[in-house]
Every structure is written in C-alpha cells, then in structure tokens.
Amino acid sequence: MSEMGRELLHNCAALCKIDCSEEEFGTLREDLHSILHYFDRLKEVDTTHVRACTHVNEPLSNVVRKDEASERLSRETFLENSPSSVGGMISVPPVIDN
C-alpha cells in the first residue's frame, strides 16, 4: 500500500471542498490510511469460487404490494397535518434563489 503524501492529501481535500487545519489534516491522513489498509486486507480474500453479483436484488422477484384504492383524506385533514398552508395549499420554503 502506498502512503498518502501531504500534497496528495491537500489535493484530495481541495477536490472534495474540505477545509481543514493542519491538525485536522493529520487526523484525516490517519483515517484515510486505515481505510486504505482495510481495502488491502479485502484484496487478500479468496473469491475464486464466488459468482459475480451484477445486482444486489438479483434473486428477488417484484415485491411490490398490490395497488388498492382506499379512503382519501379530506383537504382539511391533509392541510391540518402539513407544517404550513396558505390559501388551501401547502406552503413550502423557496428552493431557488433569484
């Protein structure tokens, strides 16, 4: 396993938009070193007789419940359960700034 050098760590932090003090960089370097060491340990596992998995739900069939109509909530009940409403509609904070 190769050591993560100071320059590489600073470049990775800049790409990830992580602003760290020098002390935090030391901790970050130790954490990344232990993660990379763990991946090296995983490479030692014998997987010669393990079938490749192309999808995590491969053996499952469609497990969606049947779509059945049920009683609807009234508008008043629905709006009572919302955090905020204006003029019979749910009020949400803006997501786009002008």
PDB file of N, CA and C in Angstrom:
ATOM      1  N   MET A   1       0.848  -1.178   0.000  1.00  0.00           N
ATOM      2  CA  MET A   1       0.000   0.000   0.000  1.00  0.00           C
ATOM      3  C   MET A   1       0.888   1.233   0.000  1.00  0.00           C
ATOM      4  N   SER A   2       0.505   2.196  -0.811  1.00  0.00           N
ATOM      5  CA  SER A   2       1.297   3.417  -0.875  1.00  0.00           C
ATOM      6  C   SER A   2       0.820   4.401   0.181  1.00  0.00           C
ATOM      7  N   GLU A   3       1.763   5.142   0.707  1.00  0.00           N
ATOM      8  CA  GLU A   3       1.438   6.167   1.695  1.00  0.00           C
ATOM      9  C   GLU A   3       0.806   7.355   0.995  1.00  0.00           C
ATOM     10  N   MET A   4      -0.130   7.968   1.640  1.00  0.00           N
ATOM     11  CA  MET A   4      -0.748   9.161   1.081  1.00  0.00           C
ATOM     12  C   MET A   4       0.112  10.342   1.499  1.00  0.00           C
ATOM     13  N   GLY A   5       0.736  10.967   0.512  1.00  0.00           N
ATOM     14  CA  GLY A   5       1.598  12.099   0.787  1.00  0.00           C
ATOM     15  C   GLY A   5       0.815  13.362   1.119  1.00  0.00           C
ATOM     16  N   ARG A   6       1.501  14.316   1.675  1.00  0.00           N
ATOM     17  CA  ARG A   6       0.882  15.576   2.096  1.00  0.00           C
ATOM     18  C   ARG A   6       0.247  16.310   0.922  1.00  0.00           C
ATOM     19  N   GLU A   7       0.960  16.370  -0.206  1.00  0.00           N
ATOM     20  CA  GLU A   7       0.445  17.087  -1.369  1.00  0.00           C
ATOM     21  C   GLU A   7      -0.809  16.400  -1.921  1.00  0.00           C
ATOM     22  N   LEU A   8      -0.793  15.070  -2.003  1.00  0.00           N
ATOM     23  CA  LEU A   8      -1.950  14.318  -2.491  1.00  0.00           C
ATOM     24  C   LEU A   8      -3.148  14.528  -1.573  1.00  0.00           C
ATOM     25  N   LEU A   9      -2.915  14.531  -0.280  1.00  0.00           N
ATOM     26  CA  LEU A   9      -3.993  14.743   0.682  1.00  0.00           C
ATOM     27  C   LEU A   9      -4.592  16.138   0.528  1.00  0.00           C
ATOM     28  N   HIS A  10      -3.757  17.147   0.365  1.00  0.00           N
ATOM     29  CA  HIS A  10      -4.253  18.513   0.166  1.00  0.00           C
ATOM     30  C   HIS A  10      -5.031  18.636  -1.151  1.00  0.00           C
ATOM     31  N   ASN A  11      -4.547  17.961  -2.209  1.00  0.00           N
ATOM     32  CA  ASN A  11      -5.270  17.988  -3.481  1.00  0.00           C
ATOM     33  C   ASN A  11      -6.631  17.305  -3.353  1.00  0.00           C
ATOM     34  N   CYS A  12      -6.674  16.170  -2.675  1.00  0.00           N
ATOM     35  CA  CYS A  12      -7.948  15.457  -2.464  1.00  0.00           C
ATOM     36  C   CYS A  12      -8.901  16.318  -1.639  1.00  0.00           C
ATOM     37  N   ALA A  13      -8.399  16.960  -0.608  1.00  0.00           N
ATOM     38  CA  ALA A  13      -9.239  17.821   0.229  1.00  0.00           C
ATOM     39  C   ALA A  13      -9.789  18.986  -0.579  1.00  0.00           C
ATOM     40  N   ALA A  14      -8.976  19.545  -1.463  1.00  0.00           N
ATOM     41  CA  ALA A  14      -9.442  20.656  -2.302  1.00  0.00           C
ATOM     42  C   ALA A  14     -10.526  20.183  -3.269  1.00  0.00           C
ATOM     43  N   LEU A  15     -10.346  18.999  -3.859  1.00  0.00           N
ATOM     44  CA  LEU A  15     -11.349  18.464  -4.771  1.00  0.00           C
ATOM     45  C   LEU A  15     -12.663  18.171  -4.057  1.00  0.00           C
ATOM     46  N   CYS A  16     -12.570  17.742  -2.807  1.00  0.00           N
ATOM     47  CA  CYS A  16     -13.765  17.421  -2.017  1.00  0.00           C
ATOM     48  C   CYS A  16     -14.326  18.633  -1.294  1.00  0.00           C
ATOM     49  N   LYS A  17     -13.691  19.782  -1.491  1.00  0.00           N
ATOM     50  CA  LYS A  17     -14.121  21.020  -0.830  1.00  0.00           C
ATOM     51  C   LYS A  17     -14.079  20.891   0.693  1.00  0.00           C
ATOM     52  N   ILE A  18     -13.023  20.257   1.198  1.00  0.00           N
ATOM     53  CA  ILE A  18     -12.826  20.096   2.639  1.00  0.00           C
ATOM     54  C   ILE A  18     -11.787  21.113   3.084  1.00  0.00           C
ATOM     55  N   ASP A  19     -12.152  21.948   4.020  1.00  0.00           N
ATOM     56  CA  ASP A  19     -11.230  22.948   4.559  1.00  0.00           C
ATOM     57  C   ASP A  19     -10.794  22.475   5.935  1.00  0.00           C
ATOM     58  N   CYS A  20      -9.534  22.101   6.071  1.00  0.00           N
ATOM     59  CA  CYS A  20      -9.036  21.536   7.324  1.00  0.00           C
ATOM     60  C   CYS A  20      -7.832  22.317   7.836  1.00  0.00           C
ATOM     61  N   SER A  21      -7.706  22.329   9.152  1.00  0.00           N
ATOM     62  CA  SER A  21      -6.489  22.873   9.753  1.00  0.00           C
ATOM     63  C   SER A  21      -5.397  21.818   9.626  1.00  0.00           C
ATOM     64  N   GLU A  22      -4.169  22.187   9.921  1.00  0.00           N
ATOM     65  CA  GLU A  22      -3.059  21.233   9.838  1.00  0.00           C
ATOM     66  C   GLU A  22      -3.265  20.072  10.801  1.00  0.00           C
ATOM     67  N   GLU A  23      -3.826  20.348  11.965  1.00  0.00           N
ATOM     68  CA  GLU A  23      -4.094  19.282  12.944  1.00  0.00           C
ATOM     69  C   GLU A  23      -5.142  18.313  12.390  1.00  0.00           C
ATOM     70  N   GLU A  24      -6.176  18.870  11.749  1.00  0.00           N
ATOM     71  CA  GLU A  24      -7.224  18.026  11.173  1.00  0.00           C
ATOM     72  C   GLU A  24      -6.690  17.205  10.004  1.00  0.00           C
ATOM     73  N   PHE A  25      -5.737  17.763   9.253  1.00  0.00           N
ATOM     74  CA  PHE A  25      -5.130  17.008   8.165  1.00  0.00           C
ATOM     75  C   PHE A  25      -4.397  15.784   8.700  1.00  0.00           C
ATOM     76  N   GLY A  26      -3.777  15.915   9.863  1.00  0.00           N
ATOM     77  CA  GLY A  26      -3.103  14.766  10.466  1.00  0.00           C
ATOM     78  C   GLY A  26      -4.093  13.659  10.785  1.00  0.00           C
ATOM     79  N   THR A  27      -5.214  14.027  11.375  1.00  0.00           N
ATOM     80  CA  THR A  27      -6.256  13.049  11.696  1.00  0.00           C
ATOM     81  C   THR A  27      -6.846  12.455  10.425  1.00  0.00           C
ATOM     82  N   LEU A  28      -7.102  13.304   9.433  1.00  0.00           N
ATOM     83  CA  LEU A  28      -7.652  12.848   8.158  1.00  0.00           C
ATOM     84  C   LEU A  28      -6.701  11.860   7.487  1.00  0.00           C
ATOM     85  N   ARG A  29      -5.423  12.162   7.552  1.00  0.00           N
ATOM     86  CA  ARG A  29      -4.432  11.271   6.936  1.00  0.00           C
ATOM     87  C   ARG A  29      -4.424   9.905   7.619  1.00  0.00           C
ATOM     88  N   GLU A  30      -4.499   9.895   8.952  1.00  0.00           N
ATOM     89  CA  GLU A  30      -4.541   8.623   9.688  1.00  0.00           C
ATOM     90  C   GLU A  30      -5.804   7.838   9.337  1.00  0.00           C
ATOM     91  N   ASP A  31      -6.946   8.526   9.256  1.00  0.00           N
ATOM     92  CA  ASP A  31      -8.201   7.856   8.922  1.00  0.00           C
ATOM     93  C   ASP A  31      -8.156   7.258   7.514  1.00  0.00           C
ATOM     94  N   LEU A  32      -7.672   8.039   6.549  1.00  0.00           N
ATOM     95  CA  LEU A  32      -7.572   7.533   5.183  1.00  0.00           C
ATOM     96  C   LEU A  32      -6.587   6.373   5.086  1.00  0.00           C
ATOM     97  N   HIS A  33      -5.521   6.446   5.854  1.00  0.00           N
ATOM     98  CA  HIS A  33      -4.540   5.359   5.870  1.00  0.00           C
ATOM     99  C   HIS A  33      -5.193   4.068   6.364  1.00  0.00           C
ATOM    100  N   SER A  34      -6.002   4.148   7.421  1.00  0.00           N
ATOM    101  CA  SER A  34      -6.646   2.941   7.939  1.00  0.00           C
ATOM    102  C   SER A  34      -7.689   2.407   6.956  1.00  0.00           C
ATOM    103  N   ILE A  35      -8.374   3.293   6.240  1.00  0.00           N
ATOM    104  CA  ILE A  35      -9.347   2.854   5.233  1.00  0.00           C
ATOM    105  C   ILE A  35      -8.641   2.137   4.088  1.00  0.00           C
ATOM    106  N   LEU A  36      -7.556   2.720   3.588  1.00  0.00           N
ATOM    107  CA  LEU A  36      -6.802   2.089   2.506  1.00  0.00           C
ATOM    108  C   LEU A  36      -6.205   0.762   2.946  1.00  0.00           C
ATOM    109  N   HIS A  37      -5.753   0.694   4.202  1.00  0.00           N
ATOM    110  CA  HIS A  37      -5.213  -0.556   4.741  1.00  0.00           C
ATOM    111  C   HIS A  37      -6.306  -1.622   4.776  1.00  0.00           C
ATOM    112  N   TYR A  38      -7.528  -1.235   5.123  1.00  0.00           N
ATOM    113  CA  TYR A  38      -8.640  -2.180   5.144  1.00  0.00           C
ATOM    114  C   TYR A  38      -8.923  -2.711   3.740  1.00  0.00           C
ATOM    115  N   PHE A  39      -8.860  -1.856   2.718  1.00  0.00           N
ATOM    116  CA  PHE A  39      -9.066  -2.318   1.348  1.00  0.00           C
ATOM    117  C   PHE A  39      -7.967  -3.286   0.929  1.00  0.00           C
ATOM    118  N   ASP A  40      -6.755  -3.061   1.374  1.00  0.00           N
ATOM    119  CA  ASP A  40      -5.677  -4.005   1.086  1.00  0.00           C
ATOM    120  C   ASP A  40      -5.968  -5.359   1.705  1.00  0.00           C
ATOM    121  N   ARG A  41      -6.546  -5.358   2.905  1.00  0.00           N
ATOM    122  CA  ARG A  41      -6.909  -6.622   3.557  1.00  0.00           C
ATOM    123  C   ARG A  41      -8.017  -7.329   2.782  1.00  0.00           C
ATOM    124  N   LEU A  42      -8.951  -6.565   2.223  1.00  0.00           N
ATOM    125  CA  LEU A  42     -10.032  -7.171   1.442  1.00  0.00           C
ATOM    126  C   LEU A  42      -9.500  -7.850   0.182  1.00  0.00           C
ATOM    127  N   LYS A  43      -8.400  -7.329  -0.382  1.00  0.00           N
ATOM    128  CA  LYS A  43      -7.815  -7.929  -1.578  1.00  0.00           C
ATOM    129  C   LYS A  43      -7.289  -9.337  -1.307  1.00  0.00           C
ATOM    130  N   GLU A  44      -7.019  -9.657  -0.043  1.00  0.00           N
ATOM    131  CA  GLU A  44      -6.486 -10.965   0.322  1.00  0.00           C
ATOM    132  C   GLU A  44      -7.554 -12.057   0.367  1.00  0.00           C
ATOM    133  N   VAL A  45      -8.832 -11.680   0.334  1.00  0.00           N
ATOM    134  CA  VAL A  45      -9.920 -12.657   0.424  1.00  0.00           C
ATOM    135  C   VAL A  45     -10.007 -13.446  -0.875  1.00  0.00           C
ATOM    136  N   ASP A  46     -10.089 -14.777  -0.748  1.00  0.00           N
ATOM    137  CA  ASP A  46     -10.188 -15.647  -1.919  1.00  0.00           C
ATOM    138  C   ASP A  46     -11.622 -15.642  -2.444  1.00  0.00           C
ATOM    139  N   THR A  47     -11.802 -15.124  -3.646  1.00  0.00           N
ATOM    140  CA  THR A  47     -13.136 -15.046  -4.249  1.00  0.00           C
ATOM    141  C   THR A  47     -13.210 -15.843  -5.547  1.00  0.00           C
ATOM    142  N   THR A  48     -12.328 -16.821  -5.706  1.00  0.00           N
ATOM    143  CA  THR A  48     -12.287 -17.571  -6.963  1.00  0.00           C
ATOM    144  C   THR A  48     -13.573 -18.348  -7.220  1.00  0.00           C
ATOM    145  N   HIS A  49     -14.255 -18.826  -6.193  1.00  0.00           N
ATOM    146  CA  HIS A  49     -15.469 -19.623  -6.386  1.00  0.00           C
ATOM    147  C   HIS A  49     -16.731 -18.826  -6.063  1.00  0.00           C
ATOM    148  N   VAL A  50     -16.628 -17.513  -6.066  1.00  0.00           N
ATOM    149  CA  VAL A  50     -17.789 -16.665  -5.781  1.00  0.00           C
ATOM    150  C   VAL A  50     -18.291 -16.098  -7.103  1.00  0.00           C
ATOM    151  N   ARG A  51     -19.580 -16.321  -7.354  1.00  0.00           N
ATOM    152  CA  ARG A  51     -20.183 -15.837  -8.597  1.00  0.00           C
ATOM    153  C   ARG A  51     -20.306 -14.316  -8.520  1.00  0.00           C
ATOM    154  N   ALA A  52     -20.030 -13.645  -9.626  1.00  0.00           N
ATOM    155  CA  ALA A  52     -20.123 -12.186  -9.677  1.00  0.00           C
ATOM    156  C   ALA A  52     -21.568 -11.756  -9.496  1.00  0.00           C
ATOM    157  N   CYS A  53     -21.767 -10.701  -8.750  1.00  0.00           N
ATOM    158  CA  CYS A  53     -23.102 -10.164  -8.499  1.00  0.00           C
ATOM    159  C   CYS A  53     -23.275  -8.918  -9.357  1.00  0.00           C
ATOM    160  N   THR A  54     -24.267  -8.946 -10.236  1.00  0.00           N
ATOM    161  CA  THR A  54     -24.499  -7.790 -11.091  1.00  0.00           C
ATOM    162  C   THR A  54     -25.566  -6.873 -10.528  1.00  0.00           C
ATOM    163  N   HIS A  55     -26.356  -7.386  -9.577  1.00  0.00           N
ATOM    164  CA  HIS A  55     -27.412  -6.576  -8.974  1.00  0.00           C
ATOM    165  C   HIS A  55     -27.674  -7.115  -7.569  1.00  0.00           C
ATOM    166  N   VAL A  56     -27.835  -6.225  -6.594  1.00  0.00           N
ATOM    167  CA  VAL A  56     -27.983  -6.667  -5.214  1.00  0.00           C
ATOM    168  C   VAL A  56     -29.286  -7.413  -4.965  1.00  0.00           C
ATOM    169  N   ASN A  57     -30.312  -7.173  -5.769  1.00  0.00           N
ATOM    170  CA  ASN A  57     -31.591  -7.855  -5.590  1.00  0.00           C
ATOM    171  C   ASN A  57     -31.797  -8.951  -6.634  1.00  0.00           C
ATOM    172  N   GLU A  58     -30.707  -9.519  -7.120  1.00  0.00           N
ATOM    173  CA  GLU A  58     -30.755 -10.493  -8.198  1.00  0.00           C
ATOM    174  C   GLU A  58     -31.736 -11.641  -7.959  1.00  0.00           C
ATOM    175  N   PRO A  59     -31.719 -12.308  -6.805  1.00  0.00           N
ATOM    176  CA  PRO A  59     -32.615 -13.455  -6.655  1.00  0.00           C
ATOM    177  C   PRO A  59     -34.072 -13.082  -6.360  1.00  0.00           C
ATOM    178  N   LEU A  60     -34.366 -11.806  -6.138  1.00  0.00           N
ATOM    179  CA  LEU A  60     -35.711 -11.399  -5.773  1.00  0.00           C
ATOM    180  C   LEU A  60     -36.572 -11.134  -6.995  1.00  0.00           C
ATOM    181  N   SER A  61     -37.854 -11.415  -6.850  1.00  0.00           N
ATOM    182  CA  SER A  61     -38.797 -11.012  -7.888  1.00  0.00           C
ATOM    183  C   SER A  61     -39.434  -9.704  -7.448  1.00  0.00           C
ATOM    184  N   ASN A  62     -40.352  -9.199  -8.234  1.00  0.00           N
ATOM    185  CA  ASN A  62     -41.002  -7.940  -7.905  1.00  0.00           C
ATOM    186  C   ASN A  62     -41.772  -8.104  -6.589  1.00  0.00           C
ATOM    187  N   VAL A  63     -41.404  -7.332  -5.579  1.00  0.00           N
ATOM    188  CA  VAL A  63     -42.008  -7.479  -4.254  1.00  0.00           C
ATOM    189  C   VAL A  63     -42.835  -6.251  -3.883  1.00  0.00           C
ATOM    190  N   VAL A  64     -43.523  -5.689  -4.878  1.00  0.00           N
ATOM    191  CA  VAL A  64     -44.329  -4.504  -4.646  1.00  0.00           C
ATOM    192  C   VAL A  64     -45.732  -4.947  -4.233  1.00  0.00           C
ATOM    193  N   ARG A  65     -46.292  -4.273  -3.276  1.00  0.00           N
ATOM    194  CA  ARG A  65     -47.646  -4.624  -2.826  1.00  0.00           C
ATOM    195  C   ARG A  65     -48.655  -4.279  -3.900  1.00  0.00           C
ATOM    196  N   LYS A  66     -49.801  -4.883  -3.809  1.00  0.00           N
ATOM    197  CA  LYS A  66     -50.875  -4.627  -4.755  1.00  0.00           C
ATOM    198  C   LYS A  66     -51.390  -3.206  -4.543  1.00  0.00           C
ATOM    199  N   ASP A  67     -51.623  -2.498  -5.624  1.00  0.00           N
ATOM    200  CA  ASP A  67     -52.108  -1.130  -5.547  1.00  0.00           C
ATOM    201  C   ASP A  67     -53.623  -1.156  -5.399  1.00  0.00           C
ATOM    202  N   GLU A  68     -54.096  -0.820  -4.210  1.00  0.00           N
ATOM    203  CA  GLU A  68     -55.527  -0.847  -3.936  1.00  0.00           C
ATOM    204  C   GLU A  68     -55.991   0.529  -3.499  1.00  0.00           C
ATOM    205  N   ALA A  69     -57.142   0.939  -4.017  1.00  0.00           N
ATOM    206  CA  ALA A  69     -57.710   2.226  -3.640  1.00  0.00           C
ATOM    207  C   ALA A  69     -58.195   2.160  -2.204  1.00  0.00           C
ATOM    208  N   SER A  70     -58.027   3.235  -1.485  1.00  0.00           N
ATOM    209  CA  SER A  70     -58.510   3.317  -0.108  1.00  0.00           C
ATOM    210  C   SER A  70     -59.142   4.683   0.099  1.00  0.00           C
ATOM    211  N   GLU A  71     -59.643   4.890   1.274  1.00  0.00           N
ATOM    212  CA  GLU A  71     -60.304   6.152   1.580  1.00  0.00           C
ATOM    213  C   GLU A  71     -59.295   7.295   1.519  1.00  0.00           C
ATOM    214  N   ARG A  72     -59.695   8.398   0.886  1.00  0.00           N
ATOM    215  CA  ARG A  72     -58.814   9.554   0.778  1.00  0.00           C
ATOM    216  C   ARG A  72     -58.991  10.464   1.986  1.00  0.00           C
ATOM    217  N   LEU A  73     -57.936  11.199   2.296  1.00  0.00           N
ATOM    218  CA  LEU A  73     -58.035  12.220   3.341  1.00  0.00           C
ATOM    219  C   LEU A  73     -58.761  13.424   2.763  1.00  0.00           C
ATOM    220  N   SER A  74     -59.527  14.075   3.600  1.00  0.00           N
ATOM    221  CA  SER A  74     -60.158  15.314   3.154  1.00  0.00           C
ATOM    222  C   SER A  74     -59.081  16.396   3.063  1.00  0.00           C
ATOM    223  N   ARG A  75     -59.344  17.417   2.262  1.00  0.00           N
ATOM    224  CA  ARG A  75     -58.386  18.516   2.109  1.00  0.00           C
ATOM    225  C   ARG A  75     -58.073  19.145   3.460  1.00  0.00           C
ATOM    226  N   GLU A  76     -59.093  19.323   4.296  1.00  0.00           N
ATOM    227  CA  GLU A  76     -58.892  19.950   5.604  1.00  0.00           C
ATOM    228  C   GLU A  76     -57.976  19.105   6.493  1.00  0.00           C
ATOM    229  N   THR A  77     -58.211  17.782   6.525  1.00  0.00           N
ATOM    230  CA  THR A  77     -57.360  16.894   7.326  1.00  0.00           C
ATOM    231  C   THR A  77     -55.937  16.915   6.804  1.00  0.00           C
ATOM    232  N   PHE A  78     -55.794  16.884   5.490  1.00  0.00           N
ATOM    233  CA  PHE A  78     -54.470  16.903   4.879  1.00  0.00           C
ATOM    234  C   PHE A  78     -53.727  18.181   5.249  1.00  0.00           C
ATOM    235  N   LEU A  79     -54.405  19.322   5.141  1.00  0.00           N
ATOM    236  CA  LEU A  79     -53.760  20.603   5.446  1.00  0.00           C
ATOM    237  C   LEU A  79     -53.481  20.754   6.937  1.00  0.00           C
ATOM    238  N   GLU A  80     -54.305  20.149   7.792  1.00  0.00           N
ATOM    239  CA  GLU A  80     -54.049  20.195   9.240  1.00  0.00           C
ATOM    240  C   GLU A  80     -52.755  19.469   9.590  1.00  0.00           C
ATOM    241  N   ASN A  81     -52.407  18.455   8.814  1.00  0.00           N
ATOM    242  CA  ASN A  81     -51.194  17.676   9.075  1.00  0.00           C
ATOM    243  C   ASN A  81     -49.953  18.272   8.416  1.00  0.00           C
ATOM    244  N   SER A  82     -50.122  19.311   7.619  1.00  0.00           N
ATOM    245  CA  SER A  82     -48.959  19.937   6.989  1.00  0.00           C
ATOM    246  C   SER A  82     -48.397  21.009   7.926  1.00  0.00           C
ATOM    247  N   PRO A  83     -47.097  21.279   7.851  1.00  0.00           N
ATOM    248  CA  PRO A  83     -46.490  22.269   8.736  1.00  0.00           C
ATOM    249  C   PRO A  83     -47.036  23.675   8.530  1.00  0.00           C
ATOM    250  N   SER A  84     -47.370  24.010   7.268  1.00  0.00           N
ATOM    251  CA  SER A  84     -47.832  25.358   6.972  1.00  0.00           C
ATOM    252  C   SER A  84     -48.674  25.323   5.704  1.00  0.00           C
ATOM    253  N   SER A  85     -49.762  26.110   5.699  1.00  0.00           N
ATOM    254  CA  SER A  85     -50.587  26.169   4.495  1.00  0.00           C
ATOM    255  C   SER A  85     -51.047  27.599   4.262  1.00  0.00           C
ATOM    256  N   VAL A  86     -51.271  27.930   2.976  1.00  0.00           N
ATOM    257  CA  VAL A  86     -51.741  29.258   2.587  1.00  0.00           C
ATOM    258  C   VAL A  86     -52.769  29.062   1.475  1.00  0.00           C
ATOM    259  N   GLY A  87     -53.965  29.606   1.666  1.00  0.00           N
ATOM    260  CA  GLY A  87     -54.990  29.557   0.628  1.00  0.00           C
ATOM    261  C   GLY A  87     -55.377  28.155   0.201  1.00  0.00           C
ATOM    262  N   GLY A  88     -55.402  27.202   1.138  1.00  0.00           N
ATOM    263  CA  GLY A  88     -55.789  25.839   0.810  1.00  0.00           C
ATOM    264  C   GLY A  88     -54.699  25.010   0.161  1.00  0.00           C
ATOM    265  N   MET A  89     -53.449  25.494   0.192  1.00  0.00           N
ATOM    266  CA  MET A  89     -52.321  24.766  -0.381  1.00  0.00           C
ATOM    267  C   MET A  89     -51.196  24.693   0.647  1.00  0.00           C
ATOM    268  N   ILE A  90     -50.352  23.671   0.524  1.00  0.00           N
ATOM    269  CA  ILE A  90     -49.212  23.541   1.429  1.00  0.00           C
ATOM    270  C   ILE A  90     -48.178  24.589   1.065  1.00  0.00           C
ATOM    271  N   SER A  91     -47.668  25.279   2.073  1.00  0.00           N
ATOM    272  CA  SER A  91     -46.638  26.294   1.875  1.00  0.00           C
ATOM    273  C   SER A  91     -45.289  25.675   2.187  1.00  0.00           C
ATOM    274  N   VAL A  92     -44.365  25.817   1.236  1.00  0.00           N
ATOM    275  CA  VAL A  92     -43.006  25.275   1.416  1.00  0.00           C
ATOM    276  C   VAL A  92     -42.006  26.402   1.249  1.00  0.00           C
ATOM    277  N   PRO A  93     -40.820  26.282   1.854  1.00  0.00           N
ATOM    278  CA  PRO A  93     -39.798  27.320   1.672  1.00  0.00           C
ATOM    279  C   PRO A  93     -39.295  27.322   0.234  1.00  0.00           C
ATOM    280  N   PRO A  94     -38.854  28.468  -0.259  1.00  0.00           N
ATOM    281  CA  PRO A  94     -38.335  28.514  -1.638  1.00  0.00           C
ATOM    282  C   PRO A  94     -37.050  27.703  -1.755  1.00  0.00           C
ATOM    283  N   VAL A  95     -36.871  27.081  -2.926  1.00  0.00           N
ATOM    284  CA  VAL A  95     -35.679  26.287  -3.169  1.00  0.00           C
ATOM    285  C   VAL A  95     -34.748  26.909  -4.209  1.00  0.00           C
ATOM    286  N   ILE A  96     -35.227  27.908  -4.905  1.00  0.00           N
ATOM    287  CA  ILE A  96     -34.407  28.574  -5.927  1.00  0.00           C
ATOM    288  C   ILE A  96     -34.320  30.059  -5.572  1.00  0.00           C
ATOM    289  N   ASP A  97     -33.093  30.559  -5.506  1.00  0.00           N
ATOM    290  CA  ASP A  97     -32.878  31.981  -5.265  1.00  0.00           C
ATOM    291  C   ASP A  97     -32.882  32.706  -6.603  1.00  0.00           C
ATOM    292  N   ASN A  98     -33.407  33.934  -6.581  1.00  0.00           N
ATOM    293  CA  ASN A  98     -33.410  34.748  -7.814  1.00  0.00           C
ATOM    294  C   ASN A  98     -32.054  35.325  -8.076  1.00  0.00           C
TER     295      ASN A  98
END
